[in-house]
Amino acid sequence: MMTLEQAAVAMLPMVNEDELRKELQDQVDVAGSQTAWAQAHGLTPQYVNDILRGKRMIGSEFARLLSHERLVVYIRMKPLDVDDEVAT
């Protein structure tokens, strides 16, 4: 059975890093430049550029600047066999 928290997360729209970079680019365009957006958020223009170019991963704090929460999800690639041991 799914918990209330799991159900709430499942209903939220999820985006990948490329989509989040697109949202960042849209905000940069509105701000007028990477420098303007970076200064408005207390960051360096180089850091913002690295994020946009995919040279840096988008961390939790940066995701929050874009009104997102970073969530790491692990998905089992194959069903767990009855005989498989599960580490606890």
Protein backbone atom coordinates (compact mmCIF):
# COMPACT_ATOMS: atom_id res chain seq x y z
CA MET A 1 0.00 0.00 0.00
CA MET A 2 1.24 3.47 -0.90
CA THR A 3 1.76 6.01 1.88
CA LEU A 4 0.18 9.45 1.73
CA GLU A 5 3.60 10.99 1.10
CA GLN A 6 4.30 8.58 -1.78
CA ALA A 7 0.92 9.32 -3.30
CA ALA A 8 1.52 13.07 -3.08
CA VAL A 9 4.94 12.76 -4.75
CA ALA A 10 3.50 10.54 -7.47
CA MET A 11 0.95 13.24 -8.34
CA LEU A 12 3.50 16.07 -8.66
CA PRO A 13 4.80 16.91 -12.12
CA MET A 14 8.38 15.71 -12.44
CA VAL A 15 11.04 17.17 -14.72
CA ASN A 16 14.48 15.98 -15.70
CA GLU A 17 17.67 18.07 -15.63
CA ASP A 18 17.33 19.08 -19.29
CA GLU A 19 13.82 20.42 -18.66
CA LEU A 20 15.05 22.26 -15.58
CA ARG A 21 17.89 23.78 -17.60
CA LYS A 22 15.28 24.97 -20.13
CA GLU A 23 13.35 26.62 -17.29
CA LEU A 24 16.58 28.26 -16.13
CA GLN A 25 17.27 29.50 -19.67
CA ASP A 26 13.75 30.96 -19.81
CA GLN A 27 14.37 32.82 -16.54
CA VAL A 28 17.76 34.02 -17.79
CA ASP A 29 16.08 35.35 -20.94
CA VAL A 30 13.55 37.27 -18.83
CA ALA A 31 16.36 38.66 -16.64
CA GLY A 32 18.20 39.80 -19.76
CA SER A 33 21.45 37.89 -19.26
CA GLN A 34 23.14 35.13 -17.31
CA THR A 35 25.00 37.82 -15.37
CA ALA A 36 21.78 39.60 -14.37
CA TRP A 37 20.12 36.35 -13.27
CA ALA A 38 23.23 35.21 -11.40
CA GLN A 39 23.60 38.52 -9.55
CA ALA A 40 19.92 38.52 -8.61
CA HIS A 41 20.39 35.10 -7.00
CA GLY A 42 23.81 35.65 -5.40
CA LEU A 43 25.68 33.40 -7.84
CA THR A 44 28.51 33.87 -10.30
CA PRO A 45 27.72 34.07 -14.01
CA GLN A 46 30.23 31.25 -14.62
CA TYR A 47 28.34 28.95 -12.24
CA VAL A 48 25.06 29.65 -14.04
CA ASN A 49 26.76 29.10 -17.40
CA ASP A 50 28.18 25.77 -16.20
CA ILE A 51 24.69 24.66 -15.14
CA LEU A 52 23.19 25.69 -18.48
CA ARG A 53 25.91 23.89 -20.45
CA GLY A 54 25.55 20.71 -18.39
CA LYS A 55 29.04 20.99 -16.93
CA ARG A 56 27.58 20.98 -13.41
CA MET A 57 24.72 19.01 -11.96
CA ILE A 58 21.75 20.89 -10.57
CA GLY A 59 21.93 20.52 -6.81
CA SER A 60 19.16 20.85 -4.23
CA GLU A 61 19.76 24.51 -3.41
CA PHE A 62 19.93 25.52 -7.08
CA ALA A 63 16.75 23.55 -7.83
CA ARG A 64 14.97 25.49 -5.07
CA LEU A 65 15.95 28.75 -6.79
CA LEU A 66 13.87 27.46 -9.71
CA SER A 67 10.98 26.48 -7.39
CA HIS A 68 11.75 22.77 -7.61
CA GLU A 69 12.73 20.14 -5.09
CA ARG A 70 15.52 17.73 -5.99
CA LEU A 71 14.45 14.13 -5.50
CA VAL A 72 16.65 11.14 -6.20
CA VAL A 73 14.78 8.03 -7.30
CA TYR A 74 16.11 4.50 -7.63
CA ILE A 75 14.09 2.11 -9.77
CA ARG A 76 14.55 -1.66 -9.68
CA MET A 77 15.43 -2.81 -13.17
CA LYS A 78 14.19 -6.37 -12.72
CA PRO A 79 11.76 -8.07 -10.38
CA LEU A 80 13.23 -9.34 -7.13
CA ASP A 81 13.28 -13.15 -7.14
CA VAL A 82 12.06 -14.92 -4.02
CA ASP A 83 15.50 -16.54 -3.62
CA ASP A 84 17.38 -13.20 -3.86
CA GLU A 85 18.79 -11.85 -0.64
CA VAL A 86 17.99 -8.27 0.28
CA ALA A 87 20.58 -6.36 2.29
CA THR A 88 19.12 -4.57 5.28
